[in-house]
Amino acid sequence: MVLRFDQSLDINVLQEKIMKKLRICFSFILLVIAIGSAQESSDIEISLSSGFAFPSSPMSFSDYWKMQYGGGIGAGIALSQSITISGNIEYYQFTLDNDGLTEGFDTKYMRDIWVFNNVSLKPSADPSSVMTLSTNVRMVPSGLSGSLSPYFIAGAGVMSFSLSEITLPTKSIISVDGSDITMVAKQRIIGGDETVPFVQFGMGLDYPLAESLNIFVEARYSRGLNKGIGTTYVPLVLGVKFRM
């Protein structure tokens, strides 16, 4: 049985797309810095972040995959004391959730209907990943003071989502005339690659370490605008900002 979610792209085509997005991203960051350098009244910042992303939906993503790691880089310009606009690129990876995937397949049904004595699954897959290129607006509420500065963030951009194929070797044992017969079947859940627009919003906290150096903690809700059910995940990151 094969459950097909999307057509797989040739690996060379995928690599070419990723490199193209990286070139666009770094060109955008350089453009932001150049524009900021021409504005004496504007502060330029470079940010680096790393953290985890929690799969949220659809079921084939949230139930079958679990958080792993990732991070990003960005460049921004302070338009005022409370508003900063930035360009960011992020990459996150996800590993297979064997327990969640096993629970998603009703082996009890197979035992009851087909009279199998035992049914076992040993799923395996390469990591899946998501890479985003976005423009974001960060707003610091006025009237708040203290060492911790809360802020809100919202943005939009392009998401490149790669879902790896999952292999499901199924081992079943049935008794016939007192003898156990073992049957092995291999099922696949075929993933694929898709590039779609996405939106995100969230909030964070800034803490100054020095005059030109801050650390921050940030949580966001990111949603890909796929046809039908959107791909969503929640990044939770820790990072640093360098002001120039």
Protein backbone atom coordinates (compact mmCIF):
# COMPACT_ATOMS: atom_id res chain seq x y z
CA MET A 1 0.00 0.00 0.00
CA VAL A 2 1.34 3.38 -0.94
CA LEU A 3 -0.07 6.63 0.45
CA ARG A 4 1.07 9.45 -1.83
CA PHE A 5 1.17 12.97 -0.46
CA ASP A 6 3.17 14.62 -3.26
CA GLN A 7 5.49 13.90 -6.14
CA SER A 8 9.18 13.69 -5.23
CA LEU A 9 11.50 16.18 -6.93
CA ASP A 10 14.82 15.24 -8.46
CA ILE A 11 17.57 15.89 -5.90
CA ASN A 12 19.51 18.12 -8.30
CA VAL A 13 16.46 20.29 -8.90
CA LEU A 14 15.92 20.56 -5.12
CA GLN A 15 19.54 21.56 -4.50
CA GLU A 16 19.33 24.17 -7.24
CA LYS A 17 16.18 25.64 -5.67
CA ILE A 18 17.79 25.79 -2.22
CA MET A 19 20.92 27.50 -3.56
CA LYS A 20 18.79 30.00 -5.46
CA LYS A 21 16.87 30.88 -2.28
CA LEU A 22 20.12 31.25 -0.34
CA ARG A 23 21.50 33.64 -2.95
CA ILE A 24 18.30 35.69 -2.88
CA CYS A 25 18.36 35.78 0.91
CA PHE A 26 21.94 36.95 1.25
CA SER A 27 21.41 39.52 -1.51
CA PHE A 28 18.44 40.83 0.44
CA ILE A 29 20.46 41.01 3.67
CA LEU A 30 23.24 42.92 1.90
CA LEU A 31 20.65 45.29 0.44
CA VAL A 32 19.20 45.92 3.90
CA ILE A 33 22.66 46.74 5.25
CA ALA A 34 23.44 49.04 2.33
CA ILE A 35 20.16 50.94 2.73
CA GLY A 36 20.72 51.20 6.46
CA SER A 37 24.24 52.55 5.98
CA ALA A 38 22.82 55.40 3.92
CA GLN A 39 20.49 56.41 6.77
CA GLU A 40 22.50 57.98 9.54
CA SER A 41 19.54 58.05 11.89
CA SER A 42 18.83 54.31 11.53
CA ASP A 43 20.34 51.48 13.55
CA ILE A 44 21.41 48.36 11.70
CA GLU A 45 21.30 44.99 13.44
CA ILE A 46 22.53 41.51 12.59
CA SER A 47 20.90 38.58 14.39
CA LEU A 48 21.85 34.95 14.88
CA SER A 49 19.49 32.42 16.48
CA SER A 50 19.19 28.72 17.21
CA GLY A 51 16.48 26.57 18.74
CA PHE A 52 13.79 23.98 18.18
CA ALA A 53 10.62 23.84 16.10
CA PHE A 54 7.52 21.90 17.17
CA PRO A 55 5.40 20.35 14.34
CA SER A 56 1.77 21.46 14.60
CA SER A 57 -0.23 20.35 11.52
CA PRO A 58 -1.33 18.51 9.42
CA MET A 59 -1.55 15.10 11.10
CA SER A 60 1.05 13.56 8.79
CA PHE A 61 3.48 16.22 10.08
CA SER A 62 2.50 16.73 13.72
CA ASP A 63 1.91 13.05 14.56
CA TYR A 64 4.68 11.45 12.50
CA TRP A 65 7.54 13.91 13.08
CA LYS A 66 9.10 15.47 16.17
CA MET A 67 11.19 18.54 16.90
CA GLN A 68 14.92 18.52 16.40
CA TYR A 69 16.98 21.64 15.79
CA GLY A 70 17.60 24.62 13.54
CA GLY A 71 18.36 28.30 13.46
CA GLY A 72 18.59 31.41 11.37
CA ILE A 73 20.34 34.63 10.41
CA GLY A 74 18.89 38.05 9.71
CA ALA A 75 19.58 41.73 9.14
CA GLY A 76 17.32 44.63 10.09
CA ILE A 77 16.87 48.39 10.21
CA ALA A 78 15.30 50.30 13.10
CA LEU A 79 12.73 52.63 11.52
CA SER A 80 12.00 54.17 14.93
CA GLN A 81 12.51 53.38 18.61
CA SER A 82 9.58 50.97 18.53
CA ILE A 83 9.57 49.50 14.99
CA THR A 84 12.24 47.42 13.23
CA ILE A 85 11.98 45.76 9.81
CA SER A 86 14.21 42.77 9.02
CA GLY A 87 14.97 40.06 6.49
CA ASN A 88 15.57 36.54 7.80
CA ILE A 89 16.44 33.07 6.60
CA GLU A 90 15.78 30.03 8.83
CA TYR A 91 16.27 26.29 8.56
CA TYR A 92 14.79 23.59 10.81
CA GLN A 93 15.01 19.82 10.73
CA PHE A 94 12.59 17.18 12.03
CA THR A 95 13.15 13.51 12.92
CA LEU A 96 10.70 10.64 12.64
CA ASP A 97 8.41 10.07 15.63
CA ASN A 98 8.33 6.26 15.71
CA ASP A 99 5.83 6.07 18.56
CA GLY A 100 3.44 8.55 16.98
CA LEU A 101 3.62 6.82 13.61
CA THR A 102 3.04 3.37 15.11
CA GLU A 103 -0.02 4.65 16.99
CA GLY A 104 -1.39 6.06 13.72
CA PHE A 105 -1.68 2.56 12.21
CA ASP A 106 -4.32 0.32 13.73
CA THR A 107 -2.47 -2.95 14.19
CA LYS A 108 -5.24 -4.16 16.53
CA TYR A 109 -7.66 -3.91 13.59
CA MET A 110 -5.31 -6.06 11.52
CA ARG A 111 -5.14 -8.65 14.28
CA ASP A 112 -8.91 -8.74 14.77
CA ILE A 113 -9.98 -8.73 11.11
CA TRP A 114 -7.22 -10.85 9.59
CA VAL A 115 -6.77 -13.07 12.66
CA PHE A 116 -3.06 -12.28 12.92
CA ASN A 117 -1.43 -13.39 16.17
CA ASN A 118 1.02 -10.51 16.06
CA VAL A 119 1.57 -7.41 13.92
CA SER A 120 4.65 -5.19 14.32
CA LEU A 121 5.94 -2.08 12.57
CA LYS A 122 9.49 -0.71 12.41
CA PRO A 123 9.21 2.65 10.59
CA SER A 124 12.26 4.52 9.32
CA ALA A 125 12.93 7.74 7.37
CA ASP A 126 15.51 10.40 6.72
CA PRO A 127 14.97 13.76 8.47
CA SER A 128 12.48 16.23 7.02
CA SER A 129 13.19 19.95 6.86
CA VAL A 130 11.76 23.41 6.30
CA MET A 131 13.59 26.51 5.11
CA THR A 132 12.03 29.98 5.10
CA LEU A 133 12.90 33.38 3.66
CA SER A 134 10.88 36.18 5.23
CA THR A 135 10.43 39.88 5.84
CA ASN A 136 9.36 40.71 9.41
CA VAL A 137 8.20 43.71 11.41
CA ARG A 138 9.10 43.85 15.10
CA MET A 139 7.21 46.24 17.36
CA VAL A 140 8.14 47.19 20.93
CA PRO A 141 5.11 48.43 22.94
CA SER A 142 5.57 51.99 24.15
CA GLY A 143 5.58 52.82 27.85
CA LEU A 144 7.37 49.63 28.92
CA SER A 145 10.70 49.92 30.73
CA GLY A 146 13.13 47.58 32.49
CA SER A 147 15.96 45.24 31.64
CA LEU A 148 13.63 42.87 29.75
CA SER A 149 11.98 44.44 26.71
CA PRO A 150 8.99 42.49 25.32
CA TYR A 151 8.11 42.82 21.64
CA PHE A 152 5.71 41.48 19.02
CA ILE A 153 6.76 40.18 15.61
CA ALA A 154 4.87 39.42 12.39
CA GLY A 155 6.05 38.58 8.91
CA ALA A 156 5.54 36.82 5.59
CA GLY A 157 7.69 35.15 2.98
CA VAL A 158 8.40 31.86 1.22
CA MET A 159 8.59 28.40 2.79
CA SER A 160 10.41 25.45 1.18
CA PHE A 161 9.14 22.26 2.84
CA SER A 162 10.76 18.86 2.31
CA LEU A 163 8.93 15.81 3.67
CA SER A 164 10.96 12.58 3.55
CA GLU A 165 9.57 9.22 2.51
CA ILE A 166 8.65 6.94 5.41
CA THR A 167 9.25 3.18 5.10
CA LEU A 168 6.90 0.92 7.06
CA PRO A 169 8.09 -2.72 7.14
CA THR A 170 5.17 -4.72 8.59
CA LYS A 171 5.72 -8.15 10.08
CA SER A 172 2.61 -10.29 10.65
CA ILE A 173 2.28 -13.78 12.15
CA ILE A 174 -0.73 -16.02 11.53
CA SER A 175 -1.39 -19.58 12.74
CA VAL A 176 -2.52 -22.14 10.17
CA ASP A 177 -3.15 -25.73 11.31
CA GLY A 178 -1.01 -25.19 14.38
CA SER A 179 1.92 -23.70 12.46
CA ASP A 180 3.00 -20.05 12.58
CA ILE A 181 3.42 -18.38 9.21
CA THR A 182 5.30 -15.10 9.07
CA MET A 183 4.44 -12.54 6.39
CA VAL A 184 6.44 -9.39 5.71
CA ALA A 185 5.13 -6.40 3.76
CA LYS A 186 6.72 -3.04 3.07
CA GLN A 187 4.49 0.01 2.93
CA ARG A 188 5.58 3.55 2.10
CA ILE A 189 4.34 7.02 2.87
CA ILE A 190 5.81 9.08 0.07
CA GLY A 191 6.71 12.64 0.96
CA GLY A 192 7.78 15.37 -1.42
CA ASP A 193 8.92 18.95 -1.72
CA GLU A 194 6.81 22.07 -1.92
CA THR A 195 7.54 25.81 -1.99
CA VAL A 196 4.66 28.00 -0.82
CA PRO A 197 4.03 31.43 0.74
CA PHE A 198 3.87 31.50 4.53
CA VAL A 199 2.99 33.87 7.36
CA GLN A 200 4.13 34.01 10.97
CA PHE A 201 3.55 35.94 14.16
CA GLY A 202 4.78 35.74 17.74
CA MET A 203 6.47 37.53 20.59
CA GLY A 204 9.80 37.70 22.35
CA LEU A 205 11.97 39.25 25.05
CA ASP A 206 15.15 41.31 24.59
CA TYR A 207 17.86 41.59 27.23
CA PRO A 208 20.82 44.00 26.77
CA LEU A 209 24.26 42.56 27.50
CA ALA A 210 26.23 45.57 26.25
CA GLU A 211 25.66 48.82 24.39
CA SER A 212 25.58 47.07 21.00
CA LEU A 213 24.73 43.49 22.02
CA ASN A 214 21.40 41.96 23.06
CA ILE A 215 20.24 38.42 23.66
CA PHE A 216 16.65 37.44 22.94
CA VAL A 217 14.15 34.63 23.36
CA GLU A 218 11.39 34.33 20.77
CA ALA A 219 8.39 32.09 20.06
CA ARG A 220 6.43 32.21 16.81
CA TYR A 221 3.57 30.46 15.02
CA SER A 222 4.48 29.80 11.36
CA ARG A 223 1.95 28.61 8.78
CA GLY A 224 2.58 27.60 5.17
CA LEU A 225 -0.24 28.56 2.81
CA ASN A 226 -0.46 25.13 1.18
CA LYS A 227 -3.50 24.16 -0.84
CA GLY A 228 -5.94 22.44 1.47
CA ILE A 229 -4.33 21.85 4.87
CA GLY A 230 -1.51 24.25 5.73
CA THR A 231 1.84 23.15 7.15
CA THR A 232 2.38 24.74 10.56
CA TYR A 233 5.09 24.61 13.21
CA VAL A 234 6.16 26.65 16.26
CA PRO A 235 9.82 27.77 16.48
CA LEU A 236 11.24 28.52 19.94
CA VAL A 237 14.66 30.16 19.65
CA LEU A 238 17.45 31.84 21.62
CA GLY A 239 19.62 34.35 19.82
CA VAL A 240 21.90 37.39 19.82
CA LYS A 241 21.59 40.78 18.08
CA PHE A 242 24.54 42.94 17.13
CA ARG A 243 23.79 46.62 16.54
CA MET A 244 26.04 48.54 14.17
